[in-house]
Amino acid sequence: MESVSILMDAEVKKAAQELFARLGIDMSTAINMFLRQSVHQNTLTLDFPPKGSKVKLGGWEGKIWMADDFDEPLEDFKEYM
């Protein structure tokens, strides 16, 4: 295992820690889940506004994968583990 240091807004960090605590995981686990899922899917998997919303993606156009079902990426992650 290796250590990674990141800078983030203090309010975002606190809110994220509270959210993850409610979900029964810590910040490190959540970040590892996100990174593993991104590597597994070979893309950046984030939740964006609903389809049809006007969002400018610039160079990310066509490179971002969005699941129709929120649980779908989690099921893929479970299979990956």
N, C-alpha and C. Protein backbone atom coordinates (compact mmCIF):
# COMPACT_ATOMS: atom_id res chain seq x y z
N MET A 1 0.85 -1.18 0.00
CA MET A 1 0.00 0.00 0.00
C MET A 1 0.89 1.24 0.00
N GLU A 2 0.37 2.29 -0.61
CA GLU A 2 1.08 3.56 -0.63
C GLU A 2 0.17 4.66 -0.12
N SER A 3 0.78 5.71 0.37
CA SER A 3 0.05 6.86 0.88
C SER A 3 -0.07 7.92 -0.20
N VAL A 4 -1.22 8.62 -0.21
CA VAL A 4 -1.47 9.71 -1.14
C VAL A 4 -1.98 10.90 -0.33
N SER A 5 -1.45 12.07 -0.59
CA SER A 5 -1.92 13.29 0.07
C SER A 5 -2.64 14.14 -0.95
N ILE A 6 -3.80 14.65 -0.56
CA ILE A 6 -4.55 15.54 -1.45
C ILE A 6 -5.01 16.76 -0.67
N LEU A 7 -5.20 17.85 -1.37
CA LEU A 7 -5.74 19.06 -0.76
C LEU A 7 -7.20 19.17 -1.15
N MET A 8 -8.06 19.54 -0.18
CA MET A 8 -9.47 19.72 -0.47
C MET A 8 -10.04 20.75 0.47
N ASP A 9 -11.16 21.29 0.07
CA ASP A 9 -11.88 22.26 0.87
C ASP A 9 -12.29 21.61 2.20
N ALA A 10 -12.07 22.31 3.30
CA ALA A 10 -12.36 21.76 4.63
C ALA A 10 -13.84 21.40 4.79
N GLU A 11 -14.73 22.22 4.24
CA GLU A 11 -16.16 21.94 4.36
C GLU A 11 -16.55 20.70 3.56
N VAL A 12 -15.96 20.53 2.38
CA VAL A 12 -16.22 19.35 1.57
C VAL A 12 -15.71 18.11 2.29
N LYS A 13 -14.53 18.20 2.87
CA LYS A 13 -13.95 17.07 3.60
C LYS A 13 -14.87 16.65 4.75
N LYS A 14 -15.32 17.63 5.53
CA LYS A 14 -16.19 17.32 6.67
C LYS A 14 -17.50 16.69 6.21
N ALA A 15 -18.11 17.26 5.17
CA ALA A 15 -19.37 16.72 4.66
C ALA A 15 -19.19 15.30 4.12
N ALA A 16 -18.07 15.08 3.42
CA ALA A 16 -17.79 13.75 2.88
C ALA A 16 -17.57 12.74 3.99
N GLN A 17 -16.82 13.12 5.02
CA GLN A 17 -16.59 12.22 6.15
C GLN A 17 -17.90 11.86 6.84
N GLU A 18 -18.79 12.83 6.99
CA GLU A 18 -20.09 12.55 7.61
C GLU A 18 -20.92 11.61 6.74
N LEU A 19 -20.92 11.85 5.44
CA LEU A 19 -21.64 10.98 4.51
C LEU A 19 -21.10 9.56 4.57
N PHE A 20 -19.79 9.42 4.46
CA PHE A 20 -19.19 8.09 4.44
C PHE A 20 -19.41 7.37 5.77
N ALA A 21 -19.39 8.10 6.88
CA ALA A 21 -19.66 7.49 8.18
C ALA A 21 -21.07 6.91 8.21
N ARG A 22 -22.03 7.65 7.63
CA ARG A 22 -23.41 7.14 7.57
C ARG A 22 -23.49 5.89 6.70
N LEU A 23 -22.61 5.80 5.71
CA LEU A 23 -22.58 4.63 4.82
C LEU A 23 -21.73 3.49 5.38
N GLY A 24 -21.07 3.76 6.50
CA GLY A 24 -20.27 2.72 7.16
C GLY A 24 -18.88 2.53 6.59
N ILE A 25 -18.36 3.55 5.90
CA ILE A 25 -17.00 3.47 5.36
C ILE A 25 -16.24 4.74 5.74
N ASP A 26 -14.93 4.71 5.58
CA ASP A 26 -14.13 5.90 5.85
C ASP A 26 -13.70 6.54 4.52
N MET A 27 -13.06 7.69 4.62
CA MET A 27 -12.64 8.44 3.44
C MET A 27 -11.70 7.61 2.57
N SER A 28 -10.76 6.92 3.17
CA SER A 28 -9.79 6.13 2.42
C SER A 28 -10.50 5.04 1.61
N THR A 29 -11.46 4.36 2.21
CA THR A 29 -12.20 3.31 1.51
C THR A 29 -12.98 3.91 0.35
N ALA A 30 -13.65 5.05 0.58
CA ALA A 30 -14.43 5.69 -0.48
C ALA A 30 -13.55 6.09 -1.65
N ILE A 31 -12.40 6.68 -1.37
CA ILE A 31 -11.50 7.10 -2.44
C ILE A 31 -10.96 5.89 -3.19
N ASN A 32 -10.61 4.83 -2.45
CA ASN A 32 -10.13 3.61 -3.10
C ASN A 32 -11.22 3.00 -3.98
N MET A 33 -12.47 3.02 -3.53
CA MET A 33 -13.58 2.50 -4.34
C MET A 33 -13.69 3.29 -5.64
N PHE A 34 -13.63 4.63 -5.53
CA PHE A 34 -13.72 5.48 -6.71
C PHE A 34 -12.57 5.18 -7.69
N LEU A 35 -11.35 5.10 -7.18
CA LEU A 35 -10.19 4.88 -8.04
C LEU A 35 -10.25 3.50 -8.69
N ARG A 36 -10.60 2.48 -7.91
CA ARG A 36 -10.69 1.12 -8.48
C ARG A 36 -11.77 1.05 -9.57
N GLN A 37 -12.92 1.70 -9.31
CA GLN A 37 -13.99 1.71 -10.30
C GLN A 37 -13.55 2.43 -11.56
N SER A 38 -12.85 3.55 -11.42
CA SER A 38 -12.37 4.30 -12.59
C SER A 38 -11.41 3.44 -13.41
N VAL A 39 -10.48 2.76 -12.73
CA VAL A 39 -9.53 1.90 -13.43
C VAL A 39 -10.26 0.73 -14.09
N HIS A 40 -11.18 0.11 -13.36
CA HIS A 40 -11.92 -1.04 -13.89
C HIS A 40 -12.74 -0.65 -15.13
N GLN A 41 -13.39 0.52 -15.08
CA GLN A 41 -14.22 0.97 -16.20
C GLN A 41 -13.39 1.68 -17.27
N ASN A 42 -12.13 1.99 -16.94
CA ASN A 42 -11.24 2.72 -17.84
C ASN A 42 -11.85 4.07 -18.23
N THR A 43 -12.48 4.71 -17.24
CA THR A 43 -13.09 6.01 -17.46
C THR A 43 -13.34 6.70 -16.12
N LEU A 44 -13.70 7.93 -16.17
CA LEU A 44 -14.04 8.68 -14.97
C LEU A 44 -15.53 8.52 -14.72
N THR A 45 -15.90 7.85 -13.64
CA THR A 45 -17.31 7.58 -13.37
C THR A 45 -17.82 8.52 -12.29
N LEU A 46 -18.56 9.52 -12.71
CA LEU A 46 -19.15 10.50 -11.80
C LEU A 46 -20.61 10.70 -12.16
N ASP A 47 -21.39 11.17 -11.21
CA ASP A 47 -22.79 11.45 -11.46
C ASP A 47 -22.92 12.88 -11.94
N PHE A 48 -23.48 13.04 -13.13
CA PHE A 48 -23.67 14.36 -13.72
C PHE A 48 -25.16 14.67 -13.79
N PRO A 49 -25.51 15.90 -14.11
CA PRO A 49 -26.93 16.24 -14.23
C PRO A 49 -27.65 15.30 -15.20
N PRO A 50 -28.97 15.17 -15.05
CA PRO A 50 -29.74 14.24 -15.90
C PRO A 50 -29.51 14.48 -17.38
N LYS A 51 -29.70 13.40 -18.15
CA LYS A 51 -29.56 13.50 -19.60
C LYS A 51 -30.52 14.57 -20.11
N GLY A 52 -30.08 15.30 -21.09
CA GLY A 52 -30.89 16.37 -21.62
C GLY A 52 -30.50 17.73 -21.04
N SER A 53 -29.83 17.71 -19.89
CA SER A 53 -29.34 18.97 -19.32
C SER A 53 -28.19 19.47 -20.16
N LYS A 54 -28.08 20.76 -20.27
CA LYS A 54 -26.99 21.33 -21.06
C LYS A 54 -25.74 21.42 -20.19
N VAL A 55 -24.79 20.53 -20.46
CA VAL A 55 -23.53 20.49 -19.72
C VAL A 55 -22.39 20.54 -20.73
N LYS A 56 -21.46 21.45 -20.53
CA LYS A 56 -20.30 21.54 -21.40
C LYS A 56 -19.20 20.64 -20.85
N LEU A 57 -18.85 19.62 -21.60
CA LEU A 57 -17.84 18.66 -21.14
C LEU A 57 -16.48 18.89 -21.78
N GLY A 58 -16.41 19.72 -22.79
CA GLY A 58 -15.13 20.01 -23.43
C GLY A 58 -14.45 18.75 -23.91
N GLY A 59 -13.18 18.58 -23.52
CA GLY A 59 -12.38 17.43 -23.95
C GLY A 59 -12.85 16.11 -23.39
N TRP A 60 -13.77 16.13 -22.41
CA TRP A 60 -14.28 14.89 -21.82
C TRP A 60 -15.45 14.32 -22.61
N GLU A 61 -15.97 15.08 -23.58
CA GLU A 61 -17.11 14.63 -24.39
C GLU A 61 -16.85 13.23 -24.95
N GLY A 62 -17.76 12.32 -24.72
CA GLY A 62 -17.65 10.95 -25.22
C GLY A 62 -16.73 10.07 -24.40
N LYS A 63 -16.09 10.59 -23.36
CA LYS A 63 -15.16 9.80 -22.55
C LYS A 63 -15.70 9.51 -21.16
N ILE A 64 -16.85 10.06 -20.84
CA ILE A 64 -17.42 9.88 -19.50
C ILE A 64 -18.58 8.90 -19.58
N TRP A 65 -18.53 7.90 -18.74
CA TRP A 65 -19.56 6.87 -18.71
C TRP A 65 -20.49 7.15 -17.53
N MET A 66 -21.80 7.15 -17.79
CA MET A 66 -22.77 7.37 -16.72
C MET A 66 -23.73 6.20 -16.69
N ALA A 67 -23.88 5.57 -15.54
CA ALA A 67 -24.79 4.45 -15.40
C ALA A 67 -26.22 4.95 -15.30
N ASP A 68 -27.14 4.22 -15.94
CA ASP A 68 -28.55 4.55 -15.81
C ASP A 68 -29.06 4.12 -14.44
N ASP A 69 -28.45 3.09 -13.88
CA ASP A 69 -28.84 2.55 -12.58
C ASP A 69 -27.70 2.82 -11.60
N PHE A 70 -27.99 3.51 -10.50
CA PHE A 70 -26.96 3.87 -9.54
C PHE A 70 -26.20 2.65 -9.02
N ASP A 71 -26.88 1.53 -8.83
CA ASP A 71 -26.25 0.33 -8.26
C ASP A 71 -25.38 -0.42 -9.27
N GLU A 72 -25.56 -0.16 -10.55
CA GLU A 72 -24.81 -0.89 -11.57
C GLU A 72 -23.29 -0.79 -11.38
N PRO A 73 -22.71 0.42 -11.20
CA PRO A 73 -21.26 0.48 -10.98
C PRO A 73 -20.83 -0.25 -9.72
N LEU A 74 -21.67 -0.24 -8.68
CA LEU A 74 -21.32 -0.94 -7.45
C LEU A 74 -21.28 -2.45 -7.67
N GLU A 75 -22.20 -2.96 -8.48
CA GLU A 75 -22.20 -4.38 -8.79
C GLU A 75 -20.94 -4.75 -9.58
N ASP A 76 -20.57 -3.90 -10.52
CA ASP A 76 -19.33 -4.13 -11.27
C ASP A 76 -18.13 -4.12 -10.34
N PHE A 77 -18.14 -3.19 -9.37
CA PHE A 77 -17.04 -3.09 -8.40
C PHE A 77 -16.95 -4.36 -7.57
N LYS A 78 -18.09 -4.90 -7.13
CA LYS A 78 -18.09 -6.14 -6.35
C LYS A 78 -17.49 -7.28 -7.14
N GLU A 79 -17.83 -7.35 -8.45
CA GLU A 79 -17.26 -8.40 -9.30
C GLU A 79 -15.76 -8.22 -9.44
N TYR A 80 -15.30 -6.97 -9.51
CA TYR A 80 -13.89 -6.67 -9.67
C TYR A 80 -13.10 -7.09 -8.44
N MET A 81 -13.68 -6.91 -7.27
CA MET A 81 -13.00 -7.24 -6.03
C MET A 81 -12.91 -8.74 -5.90
